[in-house]
Amino acid sequence: MKKSFDDVHDLPNVISSYISERCENNGVKSRYCRTKKINIMNKLSNLEFSKMKEH
């Protein structure tokens, strides 16, 4: 189930589900995964924000 990266705004969702899948497959503690996901989401939204400011 590959998703395309055509829609940049969909990227957080793609990454989020990717992390979830990886964590479940590796049997990692879900709390750790959630924290990881939140960190990445924050970085992504900061990136989006700075891109928007540039234009």
C-alpha atoms as a PDB file:
ATOM      1  CA  MET A   1       0.000   0.000   0.000  1.00  0.00           C
ATOM      2  CA  LYS A   2       2.176   2.820  -1.275  1.00  0.00           C
ATOM      3  CA  LYS A   3       0.968   6.384  -1.200  1.00  0.00           C
ATOM      4  CA  SER A   4       2.194   9.051  -3.561  1.00  0.00           C
ATOM      5  CA  PHE A   5       3.703  12.264  -2.290  1.00  0.00           C
ATOM      6  CA  ASP A   6       1.928  14.465  -4.828  1.00  0.00           C
ATOM      7  CA  ASP A   7      -0.092  16.209  -2.162  1.00  0.00           C
ATOM      8  CA  VAL A   8       2.342  17.796   0.275  1.00  0.00           C
ATOM      9  CA  HIS A   9      -0.411  18.404   2.802  1.00  0.00           C
ATOM     10  CA  ASP A  10      -1.026  14.670   2.962  1.00  0.00           C
ATOM     11  CA  LEU A  11       2.572  14.057   3.974  1.00  0.00           C
ATOM     12  CA  PRO A  12       1.932  14.200   7.744  1.00  0.00           C
ATOM     13  CA  ASN A  13      -0.758  11.533   7.372  1.00  0.00           C
ATOM     14  CA  VAL A  14       1.516   9.338   5.285  1.00  0.00           C
ATOM     15  CA  ILE A  15       4.347   9.669   7.773  1.00  0.00           C
ATOM     16  CA  SER A  16       2.014   9.159  10.713  1.00  0.00           C
ATOM     17  CA  SER A  17       0.607   5.914   9.362  1.00  0.00           C
ATOM     18  CA  TYR A  18       4.098   4.784   8.349  1.00  0.00           C
ATOM     19  CA  ILE A  19       5.368   5.282  11.898  1.00  0.00           C
ATOM     20  CA  SER A  20       2.350   3.482  13.321  1.00  0.00           C
ATOM     21  CA  GLU A  21       2.921   0.514  11.028  1.00  0.00           C
ATOM     22  CA  ARG A  22       6.627   0.351  11.816  1.00  0.00           C
ATOM     23  CA  CYS A  23       5.983   0.514  15.549  1.00  0.00           C
ATOM     24  CA  GLU A  24       3.325  -2.172  15.466  1.00  0.00           C
ATOM     25  CA  ASN A  25       5.515  -4.414  13.346  1.00  0.00           C
ATOM     26  CA  ASN A  26       8.441  -3.987  15.713  1.00  0.00           C
ATOM     27  CA  GLY A  27       6.288  -4.379  18.806  1.00  0.00           C
ATOM     28  CA  VAL A  28       7.598  -1.087  20.157  1.00  0.00           C
ATOM     29  CA  LYS A  29       5.817   0.498  23.100  1.00  0.00           C
ATOM     30  CA  SER A  30       2.955   2.540  21.685  1.00  0.00           C
ATOM     31  CA  ARG A  31       3.656   5.464  24.010  1.00  0.00           C
ATOM     32  CA  TYR A  32       7.139   5.833  22.558  1.00  0.00           C
ATOM     33  CA  CYS A  33       5.671   5.744  19.077  1.00  0.00           C
ATOM     34  CA  ARG A  34       3.093   8.365  19.897  1.00  0.00           C
ATOM     35  CA  THR A  35       5.801  10.663  21.242  1.00  0.00           C
ATOM     36  CA  LYS A  36       7.899  10.090  18.138  1.00  0.00           C
ATOM     37  CA  LYS A  37       4.911  10.798  15.935  1.00  0.00           C
ATOM     38  CA  ILE A  38       4.060  14.009  17.776  1.00  0.00           C
ATOM     39  CA  ASN A  39       7.642  15.240  17.473  1.00  0.00           C
ATOM     40  CA  ILE A  40       7.667  14.594  13.739  1.00  0.00           C
ATOM     41  CA  MET A  41       4.256  16.207  13.283  1.00  0.00           C
ATOM     42  CA  ASN A  42       5.445  19.310  15.094  1.00  0.00           C
ATOM     43  CA  LYS A  43       8.549  19.504  12.930  1.00  0.00           C
ATOM     44  CA  LEU A  44       6.440  19.093   9.806  1.00  0.00           C
ATOM     45  CA  SER A  45       3.964  21.787  10.771  1.00  0.00           C
ATOM     46  CA  ASN A  46       6.825  24.144  11.604  1.00  0.00           C
ATOM     47  CA  LEU A  47       8.229  23.424   8.173  1.00  0.00           C
ATOM     48  CA  GLU A  48       4.884  24.122   6.517  1.00  0.00           C
ATOM     49  CA  PHE A  49       4.569  27.317   8.499  1.00  0.00           C
ATOM     50  CA  SER A  50       7.989  28.624   7.528  1.00  0.00           C
ATOM     51  CA  LYS A  51       7.312  27.766   3.885  1.00  0.00           C
ATOM     52  CA  MET A  52       4.101  29.747   4.016  1.00  0.00           C
ATOM     53  CA  LYS A  53       5.883  32.747   5.539  1.00  0.00           C
ATOM     54  CA  GLU A  54       8.422  32.774   2.729  1.00  0.00           C
ATOM     55  CA  HIS A  55       5.804  33.263   0.023  1.00  0.00           C
END
